[in-house]
């Protein structure tokens, strides 16, 4: 079971970057004009031009928090860091989940606008699965 937890956690080092570039949603003005794919990275690129503070927050929530958590958990699993750090790592995982809620809220708000078409992309499900897997792995690691 320990080996499975370690491998699952290490797989997130590959899956998270893949999820950052995967399409979270497709959005466009009315269904007639075609839809543009939006990923975490493309969304961040747009944010850096319009709202730097929000871009920093989203960068931390979507990229740094989950990746720091996975690396910290790997260090604990391989005996290179003390288990006392686990509560901090679990907190980082919850912050990453906040980003999923922000994206979902954005989709709901935009769909209610009427003139904009938004379709959920497979990247949102991948990113959400990565965050939830990370939460589960840290929970199971804490139990050991």
Protein backbone atom coordinates (compact mmCIF):
# COMPACT_ATOMS: atom_id res chain seq x y z
CA UNK A 1 0.00 0.00 0.00
CA UNK A 2 2.87 2.40 0.76
CA UNK A 3 4.40 1.84 -2.65
CA UNK A 4 1.04 2.52 -4.30
CA UNK A 5 0.70 5.80 -2.35
CA UNK A 6 4.22 6.85 -3.35
CA UNK A 7 3.65 6.03 -7.03
CA UNK A 8 0.26 7.75 -7.03
CA UNK A 9 1.75 10.88 -5.49
CA UNK A 10 4.70 10.90 -7.90
CA UNK A 11 2.33 10.49 -10.85
CA UNK A 12 0.77 13.82 -9.85
CA UNK A 13 4.12 15.48 -10.65
CA UNK A 14 3.34 14.64 -14.29
CA UNK A 15 -0.44 14.96 -14.24
CA UNK A 16 -0.62 18.44 -12.71
CA UNK A 17 1.43 20.15 -15.46
CA UNK A 18 -0.61 18.27 -18.05
CA UNK A 19 -3.81 19.56 -16.40
CA UNK A 20 -2.50 23.15 -16.45
CA UNK A 21 -2.38 23.10 -20.26
CA UNK A 22 -5.55 21.03 -20.81
CA UNK A 23 -8.71 22.91 -21.87
CA UNK A 24 -10.78 23.82 -18.81
CA UNK A 25 -13.55 25.28 -20.90
CA UNK A 26 -14.51 26.50 -24.32
CA UNK A 27 -16.03 29.96 -24.40
CA UNK A 28 -17.29 32.28 -27.09
CA UNK A 29 -19.77 35.00 -27.93
CA UNK A 30 -22.93 33.22 -29.03
CA UNK A 31 -22.61 29.71 -30.45
CA UNK A 32 -22.29 31.09 -33.99
CA UNK A 33 -18.79 32.55 -33.67
CA UNK A 34 -16.88 29.48 -32.55
CA UNK A 35 -15.42 28.74 -29.17
CA UNK A 36 -11.93 29.45 -27.81
CA UNK A 37 -10.30 26.89 -25.51
CA UNK A 38 -9.18 28.24 -22.16
CA UNK A 39 -6.64 26.44 -19.99
CA UNK A 40 -5.16 27.44 -16.66
CA UNK A 41 -2.02 28.68 -18.40
CA UNK A 42 -3.86 30.63 -21.11
CA UNK A 43 -6.15 32.11 -18.46
CA UNK A 44 -3.13 33.17 -16.42
CA UNK A 45 -1.54 34.77 -19.48
CA UNK A 46 -4.67 36.88 -19.97
CA UNK A 47 -4.86 37.76 -16.29
CA UNK A 48 -1.27 39.05 -16.19
CA UNK A 49 -2.26 41.73 -18.69
CA UNK A 50 -5.42 42.84 -16.89
CA UNK A 51 -5.17 42.12 -13.13
CA UNK A 52 -1.76 41.27 -11.68
CA UNK A 53 -3.04 40.72 -8.12
CA UNK A 54 -5.63 38.18 -9.27
CA UNK A 55 -3.03 36.56 -11.53
CA UNK A 56 -0.71 36.09 -8.56
CA UNK A 57 -3.51 34.59 -6.48
CA UNK A 58 -4.60 32.17 -9.21
CA UNK A 59 -0.97 31.24 -9.96
CA UNK A 60 -0.46 30.36 -6.31
CA UNK A 61 -3.75 28.44 -6.00
CA UNK A 62 -3.56 26.55 -9.29
CA UNK A 63 0.16 25.94 -9.74
CA UNK A 64 2.34 26.50 -6.68
CA UNK A 65 0.05 25.19 -3.90
CA UNK A 66 -0.72 21.79 -5.47
CA UNK A 67 2.83 21.25 -6.68
CA UNK A 68 4.40 22.22 -3.33
CA UNK A 69 2.00 19.83 -1.65
CA UNK A 70 2.90 16.92 -3.91
CA UNK A 71 6.64 17.55 -3.48
CA UNK A 72 6.30 17.93 0.29
CA UNK A 73 4.26 14.76 0.53
CA UNK A 74 6.86 12.88 -1.52
CA UNK A 75 9.58 14.10 0.83
CA UNK A 76 7.58 12.79 3.79
CA UNK A 77 6.86 9.47 2.08
CA UNK A 78 10.56 8.94 1.35
CA UNK A 79 11.59 9.92 4.88
CA UNK A 80 13.29 13.19 3.91
CA UNK A 81 10.89 15.47 5.82
CA UNK A 82 9.14 15.16 9.18
CA UNK A 83 5.51 14.12 9.36
CA UNK A 84 4.77 17.23 11.44
CA UNK A 85 4.49 19.15 8.15
CA UNK A 86 1.45 17.11 7.00
CA UNK A 87 -1.17 19.58 8.35
CA UNK A 88 0.45 22.41 6.37
CA UNK A 89 0.51 20.26 3.23
CA UNK A 90 -3.15 19.35 3.68
CA UNK A 91 -3.94 23.07 3.99
CA UNK A 92 -2.13 23.67 0.68
CA UNK A 93 -4.29 21.00 -0.92
CA UNK A 94 -7.44 22.73 0.29
CA UNK A 95 -6.20 25.98 -1.24
CA UNK A 96 -5.78 24.20 -4.56
CA UNK A 97 -9.37 23.02 -4.30
CA UNK A 98 -10.43 26.67 -3.93
CA UNK A 99 -9.19 27.23 -7.47
CA UNK A 100 -11.50 24.50 -8.77
CA UNK A 101 -14.43 26.24 -7.07
CA UNK A 102 -13.43 29.59 -8.60
CA UNK A 103 -13.39 28.07 -12.09
CA UNK A 104 -16.75 26.38 -11.53
CA UNK A 105 -18.25 29.62 -10.22
CA UNK A 106 -16.95 31.47 -13.27
CA UNK A 107 -18.59 28.94 -15.59
CA UNK A 108 -21.92 29.21 -13.76
CA UNK A 109 -21.86 33.03 -13.82
CA UNK A 110 -20.95 33.25 -17.48
CA UNK A 111 -23.59 30.70 -18.50
CA UNK A 112 -26.18 32.89 -16.78
CA UNK A 113 -25.15 35.93 -18.86
CA UNK A 114 -27.07 34.67 -21.88
CA UNK A 115 -24.98 35.95 -24.81
CA UNK A 116 -21.91 33.88 -24.00
CA UNK A 117 -21.54 30.18 -24.65
CA UNK A 118 -19.40 28.18 -22.23
CA UNK A 119 -18.72 24.46 -22.38
CA UNK A 120 -16.80 22.59 -19.73
CA UNK A 121 -13.57 21.04 -21.03
CA UNK A 122 -11.98 17.76 -20.01
CA UNK A 123 -9.10 19.65 -18.38
CA UNK A 124 -11.39 20.85 -15.58
CA UNK A 125 -12.16 17.25 -14.72
CA UNK A 126 -8.48 16.29 -14.90
CA UNK A 127 -7.41 19.19 -12.68
CA UNK A 128 -10.21 18.42 -10.20
CA UNK A 129 -9.25 14.73 -10.15
CA UNK A 130 -5.60 15.63 -9.51
CA UNK A 131 -6.54 17.88 -6.59
CA UNK A 132 -8.91 15.29 -5.10
CA UNK A 133 -6.34 12.51 -5.57
CA UNK A 134 -3.76 14.66 -3.81
CA UNK A 135 -6.15 15.23 -0.90
CA UNK A 136 -6.85 11.48 -0.67
CA UNK A 137 -3.16 10.56 -0.84
CA UNK A 138 -2.29 12.98 1.95
CA UNK A 139 -5.16 11.68 4.05
CA UNK A 140 -4.02 8.07 3.57
CA UNK A 141 -0.40 9.03 4.24
CA UNK A 142 -1.43 10.71 7.51
CA UNK A 143 -3.17 7.51 8.62
CA UNK A 144 0.01 5.43 8.21
